Structure formats: structure tokens, C-alpha cells
All heavy atoms as atom14 arrays in JSON, in Angstrom:
{
  "sequence": "AGALLGVALKDIPDGETGSVAVDGVFAVPKVSGTAIAQGAAVVFKA",
  "atom14_mask": [
    [1, 1, 1, 1, 1, 0, 0, 0, 0, 0, 0, 0, 0, 0],
    [1, 1, 1, 1, 0, 0, 0, 0, 0, 0, 0, 0, 0, 0],
    [1, 1, 1, 1, 1, 0, 0, 0, 0, 0, 0, 0, 0, 0],
    [1, 1, 1, 1, 1, 1, 1, 1, 0, 0, 0, 0, 0, 0],
    [1, 1, 1, 1, 1, 1, 1, 1, 0, 0, 0, 0, 0, 0],
    [1, 1, 1, 1, 0, 0, 0, 0, 0, 0, 0, 0, 0, 0],
    [1, 1, 1, 1, 1, 1, 1, 0, 0, 0, 0, 0, 0, 0],
    [1, 1, 1, 1, 1, 0, 0, 0, 0, 0, 0, 0, 0, 0],
    [1, 1, 1, 1, 1, 1, 1, 1, 0, 0, 0, 0, 0, 0],
    [1, 1, 1, 1, 1, 1, 1, 1, 1, 0, 0, 0, 0, 0],
    [1, 1, 1, 1, 1, 1, 1, 1, 0, 0, 0, 0, 0, 0],
    [1, 1, 1, 1, 1, 1, 1, 1, 0, 0, 0, 0, 0, 0],
    [1, 1, 1, 1, 1, 1, 1, 0, 0, 0, 0, 0, 0, 0],
    [1, 1, 1, 1, 1, 1, 1, 1, 0, 0, 0, 0, 0, 0],
    [1, 1, 1, 1, 0, 0, 0, 0, 0, 0, 0, 0, 0, 0],
    [1, 1, 1, 1, 1, 1, 1, 1, 1, 0, 0, 0, 0, 0],
    [1, 1, 1, 1, 1, 1, 1, 0, 0, 0, 0, 0, 0, 0],
    [1, 1, 1, 1, 0, 0, 0, 0, 0, 0, 0, 0, 0, 0],
    [1, 1, 1, 1, 1, 1, 0, 0, 0, 0, 0, 0, 0, 0],
    [1, 1, 1, 1, 1, 1, 1, 0, 0, 0, 0, 0, 0, 0],
    [1, 1, 1, 1, 1, 0, 0, 0, 0, 0, 0, 0, 0, 0],
    [1, 1, 1, 1, 1, 1, 1, 0, 0, 0, 0, 0, 0, 0],
    [1, 1, 1, 1, 1, 1, 1, 1, 0, 0, 0, 0, 0, 0],
    [1, 1, 1, 1, 0, 0, 0, 0, 0, 0, 0, 0, 0, 0],
    [1, 1, 1, 1, 1, 1, 1, 0, 0, 0, 0, 0, 0, 0],
    [1, 1, 1, 1, 1, 1, 1, 1, 1, 1, 1, 0, 0, 0],
    [1, 1, 1, 1, 1, 0, 0, 0, 0, 0, 0, 0, 0, 0],
    [1, 1, 1, 1, 1, 1, 1, 0, 0, 0, 0, 0, 0, 0],
    [1, 1, 1, 1, 1, 1, 1, 0, 0, 0, 0, 0, 0, 0],
    [1, 1, 1, 1, 1, 1, 1, 1, 1, 0, 0, 0, 0, 0],
    [1, 1, 1, 1, 1, 1, 1, 0, 0, 0, 0, 0, 0, 0],
    [1, 1, 1, 1, 1, 1, 0, 0, 0, 0, 0, 0, 0, 0],
    [1, 1, 1, 1, 0, 0, 0, 0, 0, 0, 0, 0, 0, 0],
    [1, 1, 1, 1, 1, 1, 1, 0, 0, 0, 0, 0, 0, 0],
    [1, 1, 1, 1, 1, 0, 0, 0, 0, 0, 0, 0, 0, 0],
    [1, 1, 1, 1, 1, 1, 1, 1, 0, 0, 0, 0, 0, 0],
    [1, 1, 1, 1, 1, 0, 0, 0, 0, 0, 0, 0, 0, 0],
    [1, 1, 1, 1, 1, 1, 1, 1, 1, 0, 0, 0, 0, 0],
    [1, 1, 1, 1, 0, 0, 0, 0, 0, 0, 0, 0, 0, 0],
    [1, 1, 1, 1, 1, 0, 0, 0, 0, 0, 0, 0, 0, 0],
    [1, 1, 1, 1, 1, 0, 0, 0, 0, 0, 0, 0, 0, 0],
    [1, 1, 1, 1, 1, 1, 1, 0, 0, 0, 0, 0, 0, 0],
    [1, 1, 1, 1, 1, 1, 1, 0, 0, 0, 0, 0, 0, 0],
    [1, 1, 1, 1, 1, 1, 1, 1, 1, 1, 1, 0, 0, 0],
    [1, 1, 1, 1, 1, 1, 1, 1, 1, 0, 0, 0, 0, 0],
    [1, 1, 1, 1, 1, 0, 0, 0, 0, 0, 0, 0, 0, 0]
  ],
  "atom14_positions": [
    [[82.59, 151.04, 122.62], [83.3, 150.65, 123.85], [84.74, 150.32, 123.45], [85.03, 149.19, 123.07], [82.62, 149.44, 124.5], [0.0, 0.0, 0.0], [0.0, 0.0, 0.0], [0.0, 0.0, 0.0], [0.0, 0.0, 0.0], [0.0, 0.0, 0.0], [0.0, 0.0, 0.0], [0.0, 0.0, 0.0], [0.0, 0.0, 0.0], [0.0, 0.0, 0.0]],
    [[85.58, 151.33, 123.47], [86.94, 151.15, 122.97], [86.89, 150.89, 121.48], [86.38, 151.7, 120.72], [0.0, 0.0, 0.0], [0.0, 0.0, 0.0], [0.0, 0.0, 0.0], [0.0, 0.0, 0.0], [0.0, 0.0, 0.0], [0.0, 0.0, 0.0], [0.0, 0.0, 0.0], [0.0, 0.0, 0.0], [0.0, 0.0, 0.0], [0.0, 0.0, 0.0]],
    [[87.37, 149.73, 121.04], [87.34, 149.36, 119.63], [86.16, 148.46, 119.28], [86.02, 148.02, 118.15], [88.65, 148.68, 119.25], [0.0, 0.0, 0.0], [0.0, 0.0, 0.0], [0.0, 0.0, 0.0], [0.0, 0.0, 0.0], [0.0, 0.0, 0.0], [0.0, 0.0, 0.0], [0.0, 0.0, 0.0], [0.0, 0.0, 0.0], [0.0, 0.0, 0.0]],
    [[85.29, 148.17, 120.26], [84.09, 147.38, 120.03], [82.91, 148.28, 119.73], [82.81, 149.39, 120.27], [83.74, 146.54, 121.26], [84.51, 145.28, 121.52], [84.05, 144.64, 122.83], [84.34, 144.29, 120.38], [0.0, 0.0, 0.0], [0.0, 0.0, 0.0], [0.0, 0.0, 0.0], [0.0, 0.0, 0.0], [0.0, 0.0, 0.0], [0.0, 0.0, 0.0]],
    [[82.0, 147.79, 118.9], [80.74, 148.47, 118.65], [79.6, 147.55, 119.03], [79.7, 146.33, 118.89], [80.6, 148.84, 117.17], [81.58, 149.86, 116.62], [81.39, 149.99, 115.11], [81.39, 151.21, 117.3], [0.0, 0.0, 0.0], [0.0, 0.0, 0.0], [0.0, 0.0, 0.0], [0.0, 0.0, 0.0], [0.0, 0.0, 0.0], [0.0, 0.0, 0.0]],
    [[78.52, 148.12, 119.53], [77.35, 147.34, 119.87], [76.13, 148.23, 119.92], [76.18, 149.41, 119.58], [0.0, 0.0, 0.0], [0.0, 0.0, 0.0], [0.0, 0.0, 0.0], [0.0, 0.0, 0.0], [0.0, 0.0, 0.0], [0.0, 0.0, 0.0], [0.0, 0.0, 0.0], [0.0, 0.0, 0.0], [0.0, 0.0, 0.0], [0.0, 0.0, 0.0]],
    [[75.02, 147.65, 120.36], [73.75, 148.37, 120.43], [73.19, 148.23, 121.84], [73.11, 147.11, 122.38], [72.75, 147.81, 119.39], [71.39, 148.47, 119.53], [73.3, 148.01, 117.98], [0.0, 0.0, 0.0], [0.0, 0.0, 0.0], [0.0, 0.0, 0.0], [0.0, 0.0, 0.0], [0.0, 0.0, 0.0], [0.0, 0.0, 0.0], [0.0, 0.0, 0.0]],
    [[72.8, 149.37, 122.42], [72.21, 149.36, 123.76], [70.89, 148.6, 123.73], [70.02, 148.89, 122.91], [72.0, 150.79, 124.25], [0.0, 0.0, 0.0], [0.0, 0.0, 0.0], [0.0, 0.0, 0.0], [0.0, 0.0, 0.0], [0.0, 0.0, 0.0], [0.0, 0.0, 0.0], [0.0, 0.0, 0.0], [0.0, 0.0, 0.0], [0.0, 0.0, 0.0]],
    [[70.74, 147.64, 124.63], [69.52, 146.84, 124.68], [68.44, 147.49, 125.54], [67.28, 147.08, 125.5], [69.83, 145.43, 125.18], [70.74, 144.63, 124.26], [71.06, 143.27, 124.88], [70.1, 144.45, 122.89], [0.0, 0.0, 0.0], [0.0, 0.0, 0.0], [0.0, 0.0, 0.0], [0.0, 0.0, 0.0], [0.0, 0.0, 0.0], [0.0, 0.0, 0.0]],
    [[68.84, 148.49, 126.33], [67.9, 149.26, 127.14], [68.51, 150.63, 127.35], [69.68, 150.86, 127.02], [67.63, 148.57, 128.48], [68.86, 148.48, 129.38], [68.53, 147.88, 130.72], [69.73, 148.01, 131.66], [69.38, 147.74, 133.03], [0.0, 0.0, 0.0], [0.0, 0.0, 0.0], [0.0, 0.0, 0.0], [0.0, 0.0, 0.0], [0.0, 0.0, 0.0]],
    [[67.72, 151.56, 127.86], [68.26, 152.88, 128.19], [69.37, 152.73, 129.23], [69.21, 151.94, 130.18], [67.17, 153.8, 128.75], [66.11, 154.16, 127.73], [66.34, 153.96, 126.52], [65.04, 154.64, 128.14], [0.0, 0.0, 0.0], [0.0, 0.0, 0.0], [0.0, 0.0, 0.0], [0.0, 0.0, 0.0], [0.0, 0.0, 0.0], [0.0, 0.0, 0.0]],
    [[70.45, 153.47, 129.06], [71.56, 153.44, 130.02], [71.83, 154.88, 130.44], [72.5, 155.63, 129.73], [72.83, 152.8, 129.43], [72.55, 151.45, 128.77], [73.89, 152.65, 130.53], [73.73, 150.87, 128.01], [0.0, 0.0, 0.0], [0.0, 0.0, 0.0], [0.0, 0.0, 0.0], [0.0, 0.0, 0.0], [0.0, 0.0, 0.0], [0.0, 0.0, 0.0]],
    [[71.31, 155.29, 131.59], [71.59, 156.66, 132.07], [73.08, 156.86, 132.31], [73.81, 155.91, 132.6], [70.8, 156.74, 133.38], [69.78, 155.65, 133.3], [70.42, 154.56, 132.49], [0.0, 0.0, 0.0], [0.0, 0.0, 0.0], [0.0, 0.0, 0.0], [0.0, 0.0, 0.0], [0.0, 0.0, 0.0], [0.0, 0.0, 0.0], [0.0, 0.0, 0.0]],
    [[73.53, 158.11, 132.18], [74.92, 158.44, 132.43], [75.31, 157.97, 133.83], [74.57, 158.18, 134.8], [75.15, 159.94, 132.29], [76.61, 160.31, 132.42], [77.45, 159.58, 131.85], [76.91, 161.32, 133.07], [0.0, 0.0, 0.0], [0.0, 0.0, 0.0], [0.0, 0.0, 0.0], [0.0, 0.0, 0.0], [0.0, 0.0, 0.0], [0.0, 0.0, 0.0]],
    [[76.45, 157.31, 133.93], [76.94, 156.82, 135.21], [76.42, 155.45, 135.6], [76.85, 154.88, 136.6], [0.0, 0.0, 0.0], [0.0, 0.0, 0.0], [0.0, 0.0, 0.0], [0.0, 0.0, 0.0], [0.0, 0.0, 0.0], [0.0, 0.0, 0.0], [0.0, 0.0, 0.0], [0.0, 0.0, 0.0], [0.0, 0.0, 0.0], [0.0, 0.0, 0.0]],
    [[75.51, 154.89, 134.81], [74.92, 153.58, 135.1], [75.54, 152.51, 134.2], [76.22, 152.8, 133.23], [73.41, 153.62, 134.91], [72.7, 154.61, 135.81], [72.72, 154.21, 137.28], [72.6, 153.0, 137.57], [72.88, 155.1, 138.12], [0.0, 0.0, 0.0], [0.0, 0.0, 0.0], [0.0, 0.0, 0.0], [0.0, 0.0, 0.0], [0.0, 0.0, 0.0]],
    [[75.24, 151.24, 134.51], [75.69, 150.1, 133.71], [74.48, 149.49, 133.02], [73.42, 149.35, 133.63], [76.37, 149.05, 134.61], [77.5, 149.65, 135.25], [76.83, 147.84, 133.81], [0.0, 0.0, 0.0], [0.0, 0.0, 0.0], [0.0, 0.0, 0.0], [0.0, 0.0, 0.0], [0.0, 0.0, 0.0], [0.0, 0.0, 0.0], [0.0, 0.0, 0.0]],
    [[74.66, 149.14, 131.76], [73.57, 148.52, 131.0], [74.1, 147.52, 130.0], [75.3, 147.42, 129.76], [0.0, 0.0, 0.0], [0.0, 0.0, 0.0], [0.0, 0.0, 0.0], [0.0, 0.0, 0.0], [0.0, 0.0, 0.0], [0.0, 0.0, 0.0], [0.0, 0.0, 0.0], [0.0, 0.0, 0.0], [0.0, 0.0, 0.0], [0.0, 0.0, 0.0]],
    [[73.17, 146.8, 129.39], [73.51, 145.74, 128.44], [73.65, 146.28, 127.03], [72.78, 146.99, 126.53], [72.42, 144.67, 128.47], [72.33, 144.1, 129.76], [0.0, 0.0, 0.0], [0.0, 0.0, 0.0], [0.0, 0.0, 0.0], [0.0, 0.0, 0.0], [0.0, 0.0, 0.0], [0.0, 0.0, 0.0], [0.0, 0.0, 0.0], [0.0, 0.0, 0.0]],
    [[74.75, 145.89, 126.37], [75.03, 146.28, 125.0], [75.32, 145.01, 124.2], [76.24, 144.26, 124.54], [76.22, 147.25, 124.92], [76.62, 147.51, 123.47], [75.89, 148.55, 125.63], [0.0, 0.0, 0.0], [0.0, 0.0, 0.0], [0.0, 0.0, 0.0], [0.0, 0.0, 0.0], [0.0, 0.0, 0.0], [0.0, 0.0, 0.0], [0.0, 0.0, 0.0]],
    [[74.52, 144.75, 123.15], [74.74, 143.6, 122.28], [75.91, 143.92, 121.35], [75.89, 144.93, 120.66], [73.49, 143.29, 121.47], [0.0, 0.0, 0.0], [0.0, 0.0, 0.0], [0.0, 0.0, 0.0], [0.0, 0.0, 0.0], [0.0, 0.0, 0.0], [0.0, 0.0, 0.0], [0.0, 0.0, 0.0], [0.0, 0.0, 0.0], [0.0, 0.0, 0.0]],
    [[76.92, 143.06, 121.36], [78.07, 143.25, 120.47], [78.06, 142.24, 119.33], [79.0, 142.2, 118.53], [79.42, 143.18, 121.25], [79.54, 144.35, 122.22], [79.57, 141.85, 121.97], [0.0, 0.0, 0.0], [0.0, 0.0, 0.0], [0.0, 0.0, 0.0], [0.0, 0.0, 0.0], [0.0, 0.0, 0.0], [0.0, 0.0, 0.0], [0.0, 0.0, 0.0]],
    [[77.0, 141.44, 119.24], [76.87, 140.43, 118.19], [75.42, 140.4, 117.75], [74.51, 140.3, 118.58], [77.31, 139.07, 118.73], [77.31, 137.98, 117.68], [77.3, 138.3, 116.47], [77.33, 136.8, 118.06], [0.0, 0.0, 0.0], [0.0, 0.0, 0.0], [0.0, 0.0, 0.0], [0.0, 0.0, 0.0], [0.0, 0.0, 0.0], [0.0, 0.0, 0.0]],
    [[75.18, 140.54, 116.46], [73.83, 140.49, 115.93], [73.63, 141.52, 114.84], [74.53, 142.31, 114.54], [0.0, 0.0, 0.0], [0.0, 0.0, 0.0], [0.0, 0.0, 0.0], [0.0, 0.0, 0.0], [0.0, 0.0, 0.0], [0.0, 0.0, 0.0], [0.0, 0.0, 0.0], [0.0, 0.0, 0.0], [0.0, 0.0, 0.0], [0.0, 0.0, 0.0]],
    [[72.44, 141.51, 114.23], [72.1, 142.44, 113.17], [71.07, 143.43, 113.68], [70.04, 143.02, 114.23], [71.56, 141.69, 111.93], [71.17, 142.68, 110.83], [72.58, 140.68, 111.41], [0.0, 0.0, 0.0], [0.0, 0.0, 0.0], [0.0, 0.0, 0.0], [0.0, 0.0, 0.0], [0.0, 0.0, 0.0], [0.0, 0.0, 0.0], [0.0, 0.0, 0.0]],
    [[71.35, 144.72, 113.49], [70.47, 145.78, 113.97], [70.31, 146.83, 112.89], [71.25, 147.12, 112.14], [71.05, 146.44, 115.23], [71.11, 145.53, 116.41], [72.21, 144.69, 116.6], [70.09, 145.5, 117.34], [72.27, 143.83, 117.69], [70.15, 144.65, 118.43], [71.23, 143.82, 118.61], [0.0, 0.0, 0.0], [0.0, 0.0, 0.0], [0.0, 0.0, 0.0]],
    [[69.11, 147.43, 112.8], [68.86, 148.57, 111.92], [69.32, 149.81, 112.67], [68.81, 150.13, 113.75], [67.38, 148.66, 111.59], [0.0, 0.0, 0.0], [0.0, 0.0, 0.0], [0.0, 0.0, 0.0], [0.0, 0.0, 0.0], [0.0, 0.0, 0.0], [0.0, 0.0, 0.0], [0.0, 0.0, 0.0], [0.0, 0.0, 0.0], [0.0, 0.0, 0.0]],
    [[70.31, 150.5, 112.11], [70.94, 151.64, 112.79], [71.09, 152.81, 111.82], [70.97, 152.65, 110.6], [72.32, 151.23, 113.37], [72.16, 150.2, 114.49], [73.23, 150.69, 112.28], [0.0, 0.0, 0.0], [0.0, 0.0, 0.0], [0.0, 0.0, 0.0], [0.0, 0.0, 0.0], [0.0, 0.0, 0.0], [0.0, 0.0, 0.0], [0.0, 0.0, 0.0]],
    [[71.37, 154.01, 112.35], [71.49, 155.19, 111.48], [72.62, 155.06, 110.45], [73.68, 154.5, 110.73], [71.79, 156.32, 112.47], [71.23, 155.85, 113.76], [71.45, 154.37, 113.78], [0.0, 0.0, 0.0], [0.0, 0.0, 0.0], [0.0, 0.0, 0.0], [0.0, 0.0, 0.0], [0.0, 0.0, 0.0], [0.0, 0.0, 0.0], [0.0, 0.0, 0.0]],
    [[72.33, 155.63, 109.26], [73.29, 155.65, 108.16], [73.43, 157.1, 107.69], [72.47, 157.85, 107.71], [72.77, 154.79, 107.0], [73.6, 154.81, 105.75], [72.84, 154.1, 104.64], [72.78, 154.76, 103.32], [72.94, 156.15, 103.13], [0.0, 0.0, 0.0], [0.0, 0.0, 0.0], [0.0, 0.0, 0.0], [0.0, 0.0, 0.0], [0.0, 0.0, 0.0]],
    [[74.63, 157.46, 107.28], [74.85, 158.78, 106.72], [74.11, 158.86, 105.39], [74.35, 158.05, 104.49], [76.36, 159.05, 106.53], [76.58, 160.37, 105.81], [77.09, 159.02, 107.86], [0.0, 0.0, 0.0], [0.0, 0.0, 0.0], [0.0, 0.0, 0.0], [0.0, 0.0, 0.0], [0.0, 0.0, 0.0], [0.0, 0.0, 0.0], [0.0, 0.0, 0.0]],
    [[73.2, 159.81, 105.25], [72.46, 160.0, 104.01], [73.41, 160.55, 102.95], [74.35, 161.29, 103.24], [71.31, 160.98, 104.23], [70.56, 161.12, 103.05], [0.0, 0.0, 0.0], [0.0, 0.0, 0.0], [0.0, 0.0, 0.0], [0.0, 0.0, 0.0], [0.0, 0.0, 0.0], [0.0, 0.0, 0.0], [0.0, 0.0, 0.0], [0.0, 0.0, 0.0]],
    [[73.19, 160.15, 101.7], [74.03, 160.63, 100.62], [75.12, 159.66, 100.23], [75.87, 159.91, 99.29], [0.0, 0.0, 0.0], [0.0, 0.0, 0.0], [0.0, 0.0, 0.0], [0.0, 0.0, 0.0], [0.0, 0.0, 0.0], [0.0, 0.0, 0.0], [0.0, 0.0, 0.0], [0.0, 0.0, 0.0], [0.0, 0.0, 0.0], [0.0, 0.0, 0.0]],
    [[75.22, 158.56, 100.91], [76.23, 157.54, 100.61], [75.54, 156.19, 100.48], [74.85, 155.76, 101.4], [77.29, 157.45, 101.73], [77.87, 158.73, 101.93], [78.36, 156.45, 101.39], [0.0, 0.0, 0.0], [0.0, 0.0, 0.0], [0.0, 0.0, 0.0], [0.0, 0.0, 0.0], [0.0, 0.0, 0.0], [0.0, 0.0, 0.0], [0.0, 0.0, 0.0]],
    [[75.73, 155.52, 99.37], [75.19, 154.17, 99.19], [76.14, 153.17, 99.85], [77.36, 153.36, 99.84], [75.05, 153.85, 97.71], [0.0, 0.0, 0.0], [0.0, 0.0, 0.0], [0.0, 0.0, 0.0], [0.0, 0.0, 0.0], [0.0, 0.0, 0.0], [0.0, 0.0, 0.0], [0.0, 0.0, 0.0], [0.0, 0.0, 0.0], [0.0, 0.0, 0.0]],
    [[75.56, 152.14, 100.44], [76.36, 151.09, 101.07], [75.95, 149.76, 100.46], [74.77, 149.41, 100.45], [76.15, 151.05, 102.61], [76.61, 152.38, 103.24], [76.91, 149.87, 103.22], [76.4, 152.46, 104.74], [0.0, 0.0, 0.0], [0.0, 0.0, 0.0], [0.0, 0.0, 0.0], [0.0, 0.0, 0.0], [0.0, 0.0, 0.0], [0.0, 0.0, 0.0]],
    [[76.91, 149.0, 99.94], [76.66, 147.7, 99.33], [76.6, 146.62, 100.4], [77.26, 146.72, 101.44], [77.75, 147.38, 98.31], [0.0, 0.0, 0.0], [0.0, 0.0, 0.0], [0.0, 0.0, 0.0], [0.0, 0.0, 0.0], [0.0, 0.0, 0.0], [0.0, 0.0, 0.0], [0.0, 0.0, 0.0], [0.0, 0.0, 0.0], [0.0, 0.0, 0.0]],
    [[75.84, 145.58, 100.13], [75.79, 144.44, 101.04], [77.19, 143.86, 101.2], [77.92, 143.69, 100.23], [74.85, 143.37, 100.5], [74.68, 142.19, 101.44], [73.69, 141.18, 100.91], [73.64, 140.91, 99.72], [72.89, 140.63, 101.79], [0.0, 0.0, 0.0], [0.0, 0.0, 0.0], [0.0, 0.0, 0.0], [0.0, 0.0, 0.0], [0.0, 0.0, 0.0]],
    [[77.58, 143.61, 102.43], [78.89, 143.05, 102.72], [80.01, 144.06, 102.77], [81.17, 143.7, 102.99], [0.0, 0.0, 0.0], [0.0, 0.0, 0.0], [0.0, 0.0, 0.0], [0.0, 0.0, 0.0], [0.0, 0.0, 0.0], [0.0, 0.0, 0.0], [0.0, 0.0, 0.0], [0.0, 0.0, 0.0], [0.0, 0.0, 0.0], [0.0, 0.0, 0.0]],
    [[79.68, 145.33, 102.59], [80.71, 146.37, 102.57], [81.33, 146.59, 103.95], [80.64, 146.49, 104.97], [80.13, 147.69, 102.07], [0.0, 0.0, 0.0], [0.0, 0.0, 0.0], [0.0, 0.0, 0.0], [0.0, 0.0, 0.0], [0.0, 0.0, 0.0], [0.0, 0.0, 0.0], [0.0, 0.0, 0.0], [0.0, 0.0, 0.0], [0.0, 0.0, 0.0]],
    [[82.62, 146.89, 103.94], [83.28, 147.35, 105.16], [82.7, 148.73, 105.46], [82.58, 149.57, 104.56], [84.78, 147.43, 104.95], [0.0, 0.0, 0.0], [0.0, 0.0, 0.0], [0.0, 0.0, 0.0], [0.0, 0.0, 0.0], [0.0, 0.0, 0.0], [0.0, 0.0, 0.0], [0.0, 0.0, 0.0], [0.0, 0.0, 0.0], [0.0, 0.0, 0.0]],
    [[82.3, 148.96, 106.68], [81.67, 150.23, 107.05], [82.5, 150.96, 108.08], [83.37, 150.38, 108.74], [80.23, 150.0, 107.58], [79.32, 149.53, 106.46], [80.21, 149.04, 108.75], [0.0, 0.0, 0.0], [0.0, 0.0, 0.0], [0.0, 0.0, 0.0], [0.0, 0.0, 0.0], [0.0, 0.0, 0.0], [0.0, 0.0, 0.0], [0.0, 0.0, 0.0]],
    [[82.2, 152.25, 108.21], [82.85, 153.12, 109.19], [81.77, 153.69, 110.08], [80.77, 154.22, 109.59], [83.62, 154.27, 108.5], [84.21, 155.22, 109.53], [84.7, 153.72, 107.59], [0.0, 0.0, 0.0], [0.0, 0.0, 0.0], [0.0, 0.0, 0.0], [0.0, 0.0, 0.0], [0.0, 0.0, 0.0], [0.0, 0.0, 0.0], [0.0, 0.0, 0.0]],
    [[81.95, 153.56, 111.41], [81.05, 154.2, 112.36], [81.6, 155.58, 112.65], [82.7, 155.73, 113.18], [80.93, 153.4, 113.65], [80.09, 154.08, 114.7], [78.73, 154.22, 114.54], [80.67, 154.58, 115.85], [77.95, 154.86, 115.49], [79.91, 155.22, 116.81], [78.54, 155.35, 116.64], [0.0, 0.0, 0.0], [0.0, 0.0, 0.0], [0.0, 0.0, 0.0]],
    [[80.86, 156.61, 112.25], [81.27, 158.0, 112.44], [80.93, 158.4, 113.88], [79.75, 158.53, 114.22], [80.57, 158.93, 111.45], [80.79, 158.55, 109.98], [82.24, 158.52, 109.57], [82.76, 159.9, 109.29], [84.16, 159.91, 108.87], [0.0, 0.0, 0.0], [0.0, 0.0, 0.0], [0.0, 0.0, 0.0], [0.0, 0.0, 0.0], [0.0, 0.0, 0.0]],
    [[81.94, 158.57, 114.7], [81.73, 158.89, 116.12], [80.99, 160.21, 116.3], [80.14, 160.33, 117.2], [83.07, 158.93, 116.84], [0.0, 0.0, 0.0], [0.0, 0.0, 0.0], [0.0, 0.0, 0.0], [0.0, 0.0, 0.0], [0.0, 0.0, 0.0], [0.0, 0.0, 0.0], [0.0, 0.0, 0.0], [0.0, 0.0, 0.0], [0.0, 0.0, 0.0]]
  ]
}
């Protein structure tokens, strides 16, 4: 959402409004082939 990142808390159909958590810890997809250290600055690949 602009410069914010979050996780959808429910399905959000196109054109609808839904809840997105912008604070918290979530298990999310990672690019395979790259190790990530704890506390590392990360990049979300759009």
C-alpha cells in the first residue's frame, strides 16, 4: 500500500475493501536461493 507493507487478514476481492495487518510477524514467501539472516534488512520483490 504505497510504501507500507502488510498482510491481508481475509480475502479481498478486486474493487473491495479489506483488512491488512501492517504490524506483526507473519510467515510469507521468500525467494529461493537466497539465505536471509535474522534481523536482516529485506526487500519485497513486487
